[in-house]
PDB file of N, CA and C in Angstrom:
ATOM      1  N   MET A   1      14.871  91.530-228.089  1.00  0.00           N
ATOM      2  CA  MET A   1      16.132  92.162-227.761  1.00  0.00           C
ATOM      3  C   MET A   1      15.952  93.212-226.676  1.00  0.00           C
ATOM      4  N   TYR A   2      14.874  93.996-226.793  1.00  0.00           N
ATOM      5  CA  TYR A   2      14.619  95.033-225.795  1.00  0.00           C
ATOM      6  C   TYR A   2      14.293  94.419-224.435  1.00  0.00           C
ATOM      7  N   ARG A   3      13.632  93.283-224.461  1.00  0.00           N
ATOM      8  CA  ARG A   3      13.315  92.612-223.210  1.00  0.00           C
ATOM      9  C   ARG A   3      14.574  92.157-222.491  1.00  0.00           C
ATOM     10  N   LEU A   4      15.530  91.647-223.227  1.00  0.00           N
ATOM     11  CA  LEU A   4      16.782  91.196-222.647  1.00  0.00           C
ATOM     12  C   LEU A   4      17.528  92.359-221.997  1.00  0.00           C
ATOM     13  N   ILE A   5      17.579  93.491-222.663  1.00  0.00           N
ATOM     14  CA  ILE A   5      18.243  94.675-222.113  1.00  0.00           C
ATOM     15  C   ILE A   5      17.506  95.156-220.860  1.00  0.00           C
ATOM     16  N   LEU A   6      16.186  95.184-220.909  1.00  0.00           N
ATOM     17  CA  LEU A   6      15.385  95.632-219.778  1.00  0.00           C
ATOM     18  C   LEU A   6      15.555  94.692-218.577  1.00  0.00           C
ATOM     19  N   VAL A   7      15.537  93.398-218.801  1.00  0.00           N
ATOM     20  CA  VAL A   7      15.707  92.430-217.723  1.00  0.00           C
ATOM     21  C   VAL A   7      17.100  92.546-217.119  1.00  0.00           C
ATOM     22  N   SER A   8      18.136  92.684-217.934  1.00  0.00           N
ATOM     23  CA  SER A   8      19.497  92.807-217.398  1.00  0.00           C
ATOM     24  C   SER A   8      19.655  94.108-216.616  1.00  0.00           C
ATOM     25  N   LEU A   9      19.032  95.173-217.064  1.00  0.00           N
ATOM     26  CA  LEU A   9      19.080  96.449-216.342  1.00  0.00           C
ATOM     27  C   LEU A   9      18.369  96.314-214.989  1.00  0.00           C
ATOM     28  N   LEU A  10      17.212  95.705-214.959  1.00  0.00           N
ATOM     29  CA  LEU A  10      16.479  95.517-213.710  1.00  0.00           C
ATOM     30  C   LEU A  10      17.226  94.597-212.741  1.00  0.00           C
ATOM     31  N   LEU A  11      17.849  93.554-213.252  1.00  0.00           N
ATOM     32  CA  LEU A  11      18.637  92.665-212.395  1.00  0.00           C
ATOM     33  C   LEU A  11      19.854  93.374-211.814  1.00  0.00           C
ATOM     34  N   THR A  12      20.481  94.224-212.608  1.00  0.00           N
ATOM     35  CA  THR A  12      21.624  94.998-212.127  1.00  0.00           C
ATOM     36  C   THR A  12      21.203  95.949-211.022  1.00  0.00           C
ATOM     37  N   ILE A  13      20.090  96.627-211.196  1.00  0.00           N
ATOM     38  CA  ILE A  13      19.583  97.544-210.177  1.00  0.00           C
ATOM     39  C   ILE A  13      19.215  96.770-208.914  1.00  0.00           C
ATOM     40  N   LEU A  14      18.584  95.630-209.057  1.00  0.00           N
ATOM     41  CA  LEU A  14      18.220  94.801-207.920  1.00  0.00           C
ATOM     42  C   LEU A  14      19.459  94.328-207.166  1.00  0.00           C
ATOM     43  N   TYR A  15      20.494  93.955-207.900  1.00  0.00           N
ATOM     44  CA  TYR A  15      21.747  93.518-207.288  1.00  0.00           C
ATOM     45  C   TYR A  15      22.339  94.632-206.426  1.00  0.00           C
ATOM     46  N   TYR A  16      22.447  95.839-206.965  1.00  0.00           N
ATOM     47  CA  TYR A  16      23.033  96.945-206.211  1.00  0.00           C
ATOM     48  C   TYR A  16      22.175  97.338-205.004  1.00  0.00           C
ATOM     49  N   LEU A  17      20.871  97.267-205.134  1.00  0.00           N
ATOM     50  CA  LEU A  17      19.995  97.572-204.000  1.00  0.00           C
ATOM     51  C   LEU A  17      20.154  96.544-202.885  1.00  0.00           C
ATOM     52  N   LEU A  18      20.187  95.280-203.236  1.00  0.00           N
ATOM     53  CA  LEU A  18      20.367  94.237-202.225  1.00  0.00           C
ATOM     54  C   LEU A  18      21.741  94.308-201.572  1.00  0.00           C
ATOM     55  N   ARG A  19      22.755  94.577-202.364  1.00  0.00           N
ATOM     56  CA  ARG A  19      24.105  94.705-201.820  1.00  0.00           C
ATOM     57  C   ARG A  19      24.174  95.860-200.834  1.00  0.00           C
ATOM     58  N   HIS A  20      23.565  96.960-201.171  1.00  0.00           N
ATOM     59  CA  HIS A  20      23.545  98.128-200.291  1.00  0.00           C
ATOM     60  C   HIS A  20      22.750  97.827-199.021  1.00  0.00           C
ATOM     61  N   MET A  21      21.674  97.093-199.145  1.00  0.00           N
ATOM     62  CA  MET A  21      20.844  96.771-198.001  1.00  0.00           C
ATOM     63  C   MET A  21      21.581  95.842-197.026  1.00  0.00           C
ATOM     64  N   PHE A  22      22.292  94.844-197.540  1.00  0.00           N
ATOM     65  CA  PHE A  22      22.973  93.906-196.670  1.00  0.00           C
ATOM     66  C   PHE A  22      24.246  94.468-196.063  1.00  0.00           C
ATOM     67  N   ARG A  23      24.765  95.532-196.583  1.00  0.00           N
ATOM     68  CA  ARG A  23      25.910  96.184-195.955  1.00  0.00           C
ATOM     69  C   ARG A  23      25.481  96.982-194.739  1.00  0.00           C
ATOM     70  N   GLY A  24      24.207  97.182-194.550  1.00  0.00           N
ATOM     71  CA  GLY A  24      23.698  97.793-193.334  1.00  0.00           C
ATOM     72  C   GLY A  24      23.668  99.301-193.339  1.00  0.00           C
ATOM     73  N   PHE A  25      23.847  99.904-194.482  1.00  0.00           N
ATOM     74  CA  PHE A  25      23.811 101.366-194.573  1.00  0.00           C
ATOM     75  C   PHE A  25      24.750 102.003-193.552  1.00  0.00           C
ATOM     76  N   LYS A  26      25.978 101.520-193.460  1.00  0.00           N
ATOM     77  CA  LYS A  26      26.941 101.972-192.461  1.00  0.00           C
ATOM     78  C   LYS A  26      27.829 103.110-192.961  1.00  0.00           C
ATOM     79  N   THR A  27      27.287 104.134-193.526  1.00  0.00           N
ATOM     80  CA  THR A  27      28.097 105.267-193.942  1.00  0.00           C
ATOM     81  C   THR A  27      28.103 106.288-192.823  1.00  0.00           C
ATOM     82  N   PRO A  28      29.294 106.679-192.297  1.00  0.00           N
ATOM     83  CA  PRO A  28      29.343 107.634-191.198  1.00  0.00           C
ATOM     84  C   PRO A  28      28.955 109.038-191.662  1.00  0.00           C
ATOM     85  N   LEU A  29      28.331 109.776-190.754  1.00  0.00           N
ATOM     86  CA  LEU A  29      28.019 111.170-191.043  1.00  0.00           C
ATOM     87  C   LEU A  29      29.312 111.964-191.016  1.00  0.00           C
ATOM     88  N   GLN A  30      29.483 112.857-191.965  1.00  0.00           N
ATOM     89  CA  GLN A  30      30.714 113.618-192.045  1.00  0.00           C
ATOM     90  C   GLN A  30      30.403 115.094-191.977  1.00  0.00           C
ATOM     91  N   ASN A  31      31.333 115.845-191.347  1.00  0.00           N
ATOM     92  CA  ASN A  31      31.150 117.281-191.291  1.00  0.00           C
ATOM     93  C   ASN A  31      31.756 117.933-192.524  1.00  0.00           C
ATOM     94  N   SER A  32      31.838 119.251-192.554  1.00  0.00           N
ATOM     95  CA  SER A  32      32.259 119.963-193.762  1.00  0.00           C
ATOM     96  C   SER A  32      33.718 119.705-194.145  1.00  0.00           C
ATOM     97  N   GLN A  33      34.590 119.309-193.185  1.00  0.00           N
ATOM     98  CA  GLN A  33      35.982 119.020-193.512  1.00  0.00           C
ATOM     99  C   GLN A  33      36.162 117.614-194.069  1.00  0.00           C
ATOM    100  N   GLY A  34      35.129 116.801-194.028  1.00  0.00           N
ATOM    101  CA  GLY A  34      35.236 115.440-194.557  1.00  0.00           C
ATOM    102  C   GLY A  34      35.648 114.436-193.514  1.00  0.00           C
ATOM    103  N   ASN A  35      35.822 114.854-192.258  1.00  0.00           N
ATOM    104  CA  ASN A  35      36.170 113.935-191.184  1.00  0.00           C
ATOM    105  C   ASN A  35      34.913 113.496-190.469  1.00  0.00           C
ATOM    106  N   SER A  36      34.979 112.359-189.841  1.00  0.00           N
ATOM    107  CA  SER A  36      33.830 111.878-189.083  1.00  0.00           C
ATOM    108  C   SER A  36      33.657 112.746-187.848  1.00  0.00           C
ATOM    109  N   SER A  37      32.440 113.231-187.619  1.00  0.00           N
ATOM    110  CA  SER A  37      32.212 114.141-186.505  1.00  0.00           C
ATOM    111  C   SER A  37      32.132 113.405-185.175  1.00  0.00           C
ATOM    112  N   THR A  38      31.686 112.160-185.185  1.00  0.00           N
ATOM    113  CA  THR A  38      31.610 111.380-183.961  1.00  0.00           C
ATOM    114  C   THR A  38      32.172 109.996-184.229  1.00  0.00           C
ATOM    115  N   GLN A  39      32.723 109.406-183.166  1.00  0.00           N
ATOM    116  CA  GLN A  39      33.246 108.048-183.285  1.00  0.00           C
ATOM    117  C   GLN A  39      32.469 107.174-182.333  1.00  0.00           C
ATOM    118  N   SER A  40      31.856 106.144-182.857  1.00  0.00           N
ATOM    119  CA  SER A  40      31.049 105.267-182.019  1.00  0.00           C
ATOM    120  C   SER A  40      31.956 104.322-181.233  1.00  0.00           C
ATOM    121  N   PRO A  41      31.471 103.816-180.092  1.00  0.00           N
ATOM    122  CA  PRO A  41      32.277 102.876-179.306  1.00  0.00           C
ATOM    123  C   PRO A  41      32.628 101.610-180.078  1.00  0.00           C
ATOM    124  N   GLY A  42      31.798 101.210-181.045  1.00  0.00           N
ATOM    125  CA  GLY A  42      32.095 100.024-181.845  1.00  0.00           C
ATOM    126  C   GLY A  42      33.299 100.206-182.744  1.00  0.00           C
ATOM    127  N   ASP A  43      33.569 101.461-183.156  1.00  0.00           N
ATOM    128  CA  ASP A  43      34.742 101.726-183.987  1.00  0.00           C
ATOM    129  C   ASP A  43      36.027 101.461-183.218  1.00  0.00           C
ATOM    130  N   GLU A  44      36.032 101.781-181.924  1.00  0.00           N
ATOM    131  CA  GLU A  44      37.220 101.541-181.106  1.00  0.00           C
ATOM    132  C   GLU A  44      37.472 100.050-180.947  1.00  0.00           C
ATOM    133  N   LEU A  45      36.415  99.260-180.836  1.00  0.00           N
ATOM    134  CA  LEU A  45      36.557  97.816-180.689  1.00  0.00           C
ATOM    135  C   LEU A  45      37.021  97.154-181.979  1.00  0.00           C
ATOM    136  N   ASP A  46      36.744  97.771-183.118  1.00  0.00           N
ATOM    137  CA  ASP A  46      37.163  97.215-184.398  1.00  0.00           C
ATOM    138  C   ASP A  46      38.538  97.697-184.824  1.00  0.00           C
ATOM    139  N   GLN A  47      39.205  98.480-183.984  1.00  0.00           N
ATOM    140  CA  GLN A  47      40.543  98.964-184.292  1.00  0.00           C
ATOM    141  C   GLN A  47      41.499  97.775-184.364  1.00  0.00           C
ATOM    142  N   MET A  48      42.352  97.767-185.376  1.00  0.00           N
ATOM    143  CA  MET A  48      43.294  96.667-185.548  1.00  0.00           C
ATOM    144  C   MET A  48      44.540  96.923-184.693  1.00  0.00           C
ATOM    145  N   ILE A  49      44.905  95.921-183.891  1.00  0.00           N
ATOM    146  CA  ILE A  49      46.044  95.991-182.983  1.00  0.00           C
ATOM    147  C   ILE A  49      47.059  94.949-183.424  1.00  0.00           C
ATOM    148  N   GLN A  50      48.360  95.329-183.390  1.00  0.00           N
ATOM    149  CA  GLN A  50      49.401  94.381-183.785  1.00  0.00           C
ATOM    150  C   GLN A  50      49.918  93.619-182.572  1.00  0.00           C
ATOM    151  N   ASP A  51      49.965  92.318-182.695  1.00  0.00           N
ATOM    152  CA  ASP A  51      50.506  91.446-181.658  1.00  0.00           C
ATOM    153  C   ASP A  51      52.014  91.681-181.578  1.00  0.00           C
ATOM    154  N   PRO A  52      52.581  91.949-180.374  1.00  0.00           N
ATOM    155  CA  PRO A  52      54.014  92.218-180.280  1.00  0.00           C
ATOM    156  C   PRO A  52      54.892  90.981-180.465  1.00  0.00           C
ATOM    157  N   VAL A  53      54.324  89.785-180.416  1.00  0.00           N
ATOM    158  CA  VAL A  53      55.124  88.567-180.553  1.00  0.00           C
ATOM    159  C   VAL A  53      55.176  88.103-182.007  1.00  0.00           C
ATOM    160  N   CYS A  54      54.011  87.850-182.594  1.00  0.00           N
ATOM    161  CA  CYS A  54      53.981  87.298-183.954  1.00  0.00           C
ATOM    162  C   CYS A  54      53.646  88.352-185.011  1.00  0.00           C
ATOM    163  N   HIS A  55      53.396  89.593-184.587  1.00  0.00           N
ATOM    164  CA  HIS A  55      53.152  90.741-185.473  1.00  0.00           C
ATOM    165  C   HIS A  55      51.932  90.588-186.376  1.00  0.00           C
ATOM    166  N   ILE A  56      50.947  89.810-185.914  1.00  0.00           N
ATOM    167  CA  ILE A  56      49.687  89.671-186.638  1.00  0.00           C
ATOM    168  C   ILE A  56      48.740  90.754-186.144  1.00  0.00           C
ATOM    169  N   PHE A  57      47.967  91.339-187.057  1.00  0.00           N
ATOM    170  CA  PHE A  57      46.981  92.339-186.679  1.00  0.00           C
ATOM    171  C   PHE A  57      45.664  91.644-186.356  1.00  0.00           C
ATOM    172  N   VAL A  58      45.087  91.984-185.200  1.00  0.00           N
ATOM    173  CA  VAL A  58      43.804  91.432-184.778  1.00  0.00           C
ATOM    174  C   VAL A  58      42.893  92.575-184.345  1.00  0.00           C
ATOM    175  N   PRO A  59      41.569  92.425-184.512  1.00  0.00           N
ATOM    176  CA  PRO A  59      40.656  93.450-184.006  1.00  0.00           C
ATOM    177  C   PRO A  59      40.704  93.491-182.478  1.00  0.00           C
ATOM    178  N   ARG A  60      40.636  94.683-181.918  1.00  0.00           N
ATOM    179  CA  ARG A  60      40.739  94.850-180.467  1.00  0.00           C
ATOM    180  C   ARG A  60      39.653  94.061-179.728  1.00  0.00           C
ATOM    181  N   ARG A  61      38.469  93.892-180.336  1.00  0.00           N
ATOM    182  CA  ARG A  61      37.372  93.212-179.647  1.00  0.00           C
ATOM    183  C   ARG A  61      37.639  91.731-179.435  1.00  0.00           C
ATOM    184  N   ILE A  62      38.533  91.105-180.223  1.00  0.00           N
ATOM    185  CA  ILE A  62      38.813  89.681-180.024  1.00  0.00           C
ATOM    186  C   ILE A  62      40.227  89.436-179.504  1.00  0.00           C
ATOM    187  N   ALA A  63      40.991  90.503-179.260  1.00  0.00           N
ATOM    188  CA  ALA A  63      42.365  90.359-178.794  1.00  0.00           C
ATOM    189  C   ALA A  63      42.390  89.929-177.327  1.00  0.00           C
ATOM    190  N   ILE A  64      43.436  89.217-176.957  1.00  0.00           N
ATOM    191  CA  ILE A  64      43.691  88.851-175.564  1.00  0.00           C
ATOM    192  C   ILE A  64      44.459  90.019-174.965  1.00  0.00           C
ATOM    193  N   ILE A  65      43.844  90.709-174.002  1.00  0.00           N
ATOM    194  CA  ILE A  65      44.456  91.908-173.420  1.00  0.00           C
ATOM    195  C   ILE A  65      45.058  91.543-172.074  1.00  0.00           C
ATOM    196  N   GLU A  66      46.356  91.810-171.906  1.00  0.00           N
ATOM    197  CA  GLU A  66      47.087  91.495-170.682  1.00  0.00           C
ATOM    198  C   GLU A  66      47.741  92.770-170.158  1.00  0.00           C
ATOM    199  N   LEU A  67      47.770  92.921-168.839  1.00  0.00           N
ATOM    200  CA  LEU A  67      48.451  94.029-168.192  1.00  0.00           C
ATOM    201  C   LEU A  67      49.771  93.485-167.669  1.00  0.00           C
ATOM    202  N   ILE A  68      50.872  93.869-168.301  1.00  0.00           N
ATOM    203  CA  ILE A  68      52.195  93.354-167.962  1.00  0.00           C
ATOM    204  C   ILE A  68      53.092  94.543-167.658  1.00  0.00           C
ATOM    205  N   GLY A  69      53.609  94.583-166.440  1.00  0.00           N
ATOM    206  CA  GLY A  69      54.501  95.662-166.049  1.00  0.00           C
ATOM    207  C   GLY A  69      53.823  97.036-166.064  1.00  0.00           C
ATOM    208  N   GLY A  70      52.544  97.077-165.784  1.00  0.00           N
ATOM    209  CA  GLY A  70      51.816  98.342-165.761  1.00  0.00           C
ATOM    210  C   GLY A  70      51.423  98.856-167.130  1.00  0.00           C
ATOM    211  N   ARG A  71      51.661  98.068-168.166  1.00  0.00           N
ATOM    212  CA  ARG A  71      51.329  98.469-169.535  1.00  0.00           C
ATOM    213  C   ARG A  71      50.393  97.439-170.152  1.00  0.00           C
ATOM    214  N   GLU A  72      49.450  97.907-170.948  1.00  0.00           N
ATOM    215  CA  GLU A  72      48.472  97.022-171.577  1.00  0.00           C
ATOM    216  C   GLU A  72      48.997  96.534-172.925  1.00  0.00           C
ATOM    217  N   TYR A  73      48.986  95.216-173.119  1.00  0.00           N
ATOM    218  CA  TYR A  73      49.403  94.604-174.372  1.00  0.00           C
ATOM    219  C   TYR A  73      48.244  93.791-174.935  1.00  0.00           C
ATOM    220  N   CYS A  74      48.124  93.763-176.251  1.00  0.00           N
ATOM    221  CA  CYS A  74      47.081  92.991-176.924  1.00  0.00           C
ATOM    222  C   CYS A  74      47.724  91.881-177.737  1.00  0.00           C
ATOM    223  N   PHE A  75      47.211  90.663-177.577  1.00  0.00           N
ATOM    224  CA  PHE A  75      47.775  89.493-178.242  1.00  0.00           C
ATOM    225  C   PHE A  75      46.706  88.783-179.067  1.00  0.00           C
ATOM    226  N   CYS A  76      47.159  88.010-180.046  1.00  0.00           N
ATOM    227  CA  CYS A  76      46.225  87.260-180.889  1.00  0.00           C
ATOM    228  C   CYS A  76      45.785  85.974-180.213  1.00  0.00           C
ATOM    229  N   SER A  77      46.601  85.457-179.278  1.00  0.00           N
ATOM    230  CA  SER A  77      46.253  84.200-178.609  1.00  0.00           C
ATOM    231  C   SER A  77      46.903  84.144-177.233  1.00  0.00           C
ATOM    232  N   LYS A  78      46.473  83.174-176.428  1.00  0.00           N
ATOM    233  CA  LYS A  78      47.061  82.993-175.096  1.00  0.00           C
ATOM    234  C   LYS A  78      48.502  82.490-175.202  1.00  0.00           C
ATOM    235  N   GLU A  79      48.801  81.760-176.268  1.00  0.00           N
ATOM    236  CA  GLU A  79      50.165  81.273-176.465  1.00  0.00           C
ATOM    237  C   GLU A  79      51.131  82.436-176.659  1.00  0.00           C
ATOM    238  N   CYS A  80      50.735  83.426-177.462  1.00  0.00           N
ATOM    239  CA  CYS A  80      51.589  84.604-177.680  1.00  0.00           C
ATOM    240  C   CYS A  80      51.732  85.404-176.388  1.00  0.00           C
ATOM    241  N   ALA A  81      50.674  85.495-175.600  1.00  0.00           N
ATOM    242  CA  ALA A  81      50.748  86.216-174.326  1.00  0.00           C
ATOM    243  C   ALA A  81      51.721  85.519-173.381  1.00  0.00           C
ATOM    244  N   GLY A  82      51.658  84.186-173.319  1.00  0.00           N
ATOM    245  CA  GLY A  82      52.576  83.428-172.475  1.00  0.00           C
ATOM    246  C   GLY A  82      54.021  83.562-172.933  1.00  0.00           C
ATOM    247  N   LYS A  83      54.240  83.504-174.242  1.00  0.00           N
ATOM    248  CA  LYS A  83      55.586  83.653-174.782  1.00  0.00           C
ATOM    249  C   LYS A  83      56.146  85.039-174.462  1.00  0.00           C
ATOM    250  N   PHE A  84      55.292  86.076-174.561  1.00  0.00           N
ATOM    251  CA  PHE A  84      55.724  87.443-174.261  1.00  0.00           C
ATOM    252  C   PHE A  84      56.086  87.569-172.780  1.00  0.00           C
ATOM    253  N   ARG A  85      55.277  86.975-171.878  1.00  0.00           N
ATOM    254  CA  ARG A  85      55.576  87.026-170.451  1.00  0.00           C
ATOM    255  C   ARG A  85      56.892  86.302-170.131  1.00  0.00           C
ATOM    256  N   ASP A  86      57.174  85.201-170.839  1.00  0.00           N
ATOM    257  CA  ASP A  86      58.433  84.460-170.629  1.00  0.00           C
ATOM    258  C   ASP A  86      59.633  85.272-171.100  1.00  0.00           C
ATOM    259  N   GLU A  87      59.481  85.984-172.219  1.00  0.00           N
ATOM    260  CA  GLU A  87      60.585  86.762-172.779  1.00  0.00           C
ATOM    261  C   GLU A  87      60.811  88.091-172.055  1.00  0.00           C
ATOM    262  N   HIS A  88      59.782  88.627-171.412  1.00  0.00           N
ATOM    263  CA  HIS A  88      59.877  89.928-170.749  1.00  0.00           C
ATOM    264  C   HIS A  88      59.449  89.810-169.290  1.00  0.00           C
ATOM    265  N   PRO A  89      60.332  89.277-168.441  1.00  0.00           N
ATOM    266  CA  PRO A  89      59.967  89.186-167.016  1.00  0.00           C
ATOM    267  C   PRO A  89      59.905  90.588-166.396  1.00  0.00           C
ATOM    268  N   ILE A  90      59.057  90.717-165.406  1.00  0.00           N
ATOM    269  CA  ILE A  90      58.854  92.029-164.758  1.00  0.00           C
ATOM    270  C   ILE A  90      60.033  92.388-163.900  1.00  0.00           C
TER     271      ILE A  90
END
């Protein structure tokens, strides 16, 4: 009985260690107010942007970025970008 408890405890600890390791130890450093003191360039690329046509949120790093009428728009696909250009002529 004690062996079963010991083995399950060791497996649980191993599970949490492996899970923590594969997450990449990505905890941001925080200052005394609890806010992140620095923002890495990768955080800006992972920002979620809403497509103005179909209203789907996509990460900025994979969004189709178009400059239309002097303003930057982010789209989920080229089809949405084309539809937006057709609906909003310059």
